[in-house]
Amino acid sequence: MKLEDAAPGRQVKLCTRNGLHARPAARLAKEMQRFASSVAIVADTGEADAKSMLDILSLALAEDAVVAIKADGPDADQALDALQAFLEKPGD
């Protein structure tokens, strides 16, 4: 799926150093599992379940990548806020 074809959500610029490699992908998946809503990251390389480390890694996201994020469910807004904060926070 192309980024421009993503369902309405939010666009976010990835700020983690070296992109989303194993360590931050594992932390992100664990963080997203707190939410009842389904949460996804959409990039030009595909769409990933934000609750799955392997799905996140399959996107091969580099530093400064722009992605769309979307969520559906009872706590979707809170999940999107947490996902956006994680992706925009500089770190490893």
Protein backbone atom coordinates (compact mmCIF):
# COMPACT_ATOMS: atom_id res chain seq x y z
CA MET A 1 0.00 0.00 0.00
CA LYS A 2 1.27 3.45 -0.85
CA LEU A 3 1.33 6.12 1.83
CA GLU A 4 -0.95 8.38 -0.21
CA ASP A 5 -3.55 5.56 -0.36
CA ALA A 6 -3.75 5.19 3.42
CA ALA A 7 -7.05 5.70 5.20
CA PRO A 8 -7.45 8.99 7.03
CA GLY A 9 -5.26 9.18 10.11
CA ARG A 10 -2.18 11.19 10.95
CA GLN A 11 1.12 11.66 9.18
CA VAL A 12 4.20 11.45 11.36
CA LYS A 13 7.93 11.89 10.74
CA LEU A 14 10.03 9.18 12.39
CA CYS A 15 12.66 10.66 14.71
CA THR A 16 14.31 7.58 16.20
CA ARG A 17 18.01 7.31 15.37
CA ASN A 18 18.73 4.61 12.80
CA GLY A 19 15.04 4.12 12.07
CA LEU A 20 12.85 1.49 13.68
CA HIS A 21 15.23 -1.38 14.34
CA ALA A 22 14.61 -4.28 16.73
CA ARG A 23 14.92 -2.52 20.09
CA PRO A 24 12.55 0.40 19.44
CA ALA A 25 10.20 -1.84 17.45
CA ALA A 26 9.90 -4.16 20.45
CA ARG A 27 9.23 -1.24 22.81
CA LEU A 28 6.65 0.21 20.43
CA ALA A 29 4.79 -3.08 20.03
CA LYS A 30 4.70 -3.54 23.80
CA GLU A 31 3.40 0.01 24.28
CA MET A 32 0.66 -0.43 21.66
CA GLN A 33 -0.55 -3.69 23.23
CA ARG A 34 -1.94 -1.61 26.12
CA PHE A 35 -4.72 -0.41 23.83
CA ALA A 36 -7.89 -2.26 22.84
CA SER A 37 -7.99 -0.53 19.44
CA SER A 38 -6.30 -1.89 16.35
CA VAL A 39 -3.37 0.34 15.48
CA ALA A 40 -1.44 0.45 12.20
CA ILE A 41 1.54 2.14 10.63
CA VAL A 42 1.37 2.71 6.87
CA ALA A 43 4.47 3.44 4.79
CA ASP A 44 5.39 3.21 1.14
CA THR A 45 6.76 -0.26 1.96
CA GLY A 46 3.42 -1.54 3.30
CA GLU A 47 1.15 -1.57 6.32
CA ALA A 48 2.03 -3.01 9.72
CA ASP A 49 0.12 -3.91 12.85
CA ALA A 50 1.72 -1.59 15.43
CA LYS A 51 1.24 -4.30 18.08
CA SER A 52 3.57 -6.70 16.23
CA MET A 53 7.34 -6.23 16.37
CA LEU A 54 7.82 -8.37 13.26
CA ASP A 55 5.22 -6.39 11.31
CA ILE A 56 6.91 -3.14 12.32
CA LEU A 57 10.34 -4.45 11.29
CA SER A 58 8.95 -5.57 7.93
CA LEU A 59 8.43 -1.90 7.01
CA ALA A 60 12.21 -1.28 7.18
CA LEU A 61 11.65 2.30 8.29
CA ALA A 62 14.68 4.58 8.15
CA GLU A 63 15.31 7.69 10.21
CA ASP A 64 13.25 10.66 8.96
CA ALA A 65 10.73 8.38 7.19
CA VAL A 66 7.22 9.82 6.94
CA VAL A 67 4.44 7.37 7.79
CA ALA A 68 0.70 7.44 8.29
CA ILE A 69 -0.72 6.10 11.51
CA LYS A 70 -4.29 4.99 12.05
CA ALA A 71 -6.35 3.34 14.74
CA ASP A 72 -9.85 1.98 15.12
CA GLY A 73 -11.57 1.11 18.36
CA PRO A 74 -12.71 2.43 21.71
CA ASP A 75 -9.41 4.09 22.64
CA ALA A 76 -8.24 4.98 19.14
CA ASP A 77 -7.42 8.62 19.94
CA GLN A 78 -5.30 7.67 22.94
CA ALA A 79 -3.52 4.98 20.92
CA LEU A 80 -2.75 7.44 18.11
CA ASP A 81 -1.46 9.99 20.62
CA ALA A 82 0.86 7.40 22.17
CA LEU A 83 2.04 6.11 18.78
CA GLN A 84 2.71 9.61 17.48
CA ALA A 85 4.62 10.56 20.65
CA PHE A 86 6.75 7.42 20.39
CA LEU A 87 7.62 7.91 16.71
CA GLU A 88 8.38 11.63 17.08
CA LYS A 89 10.53 11.23 20.18
CA PRO A 90 14.26 11.26 19.38
CA GLY A 91 15.94 8.14 20.66
CA ASP A 92 17.67 4.96 19.64
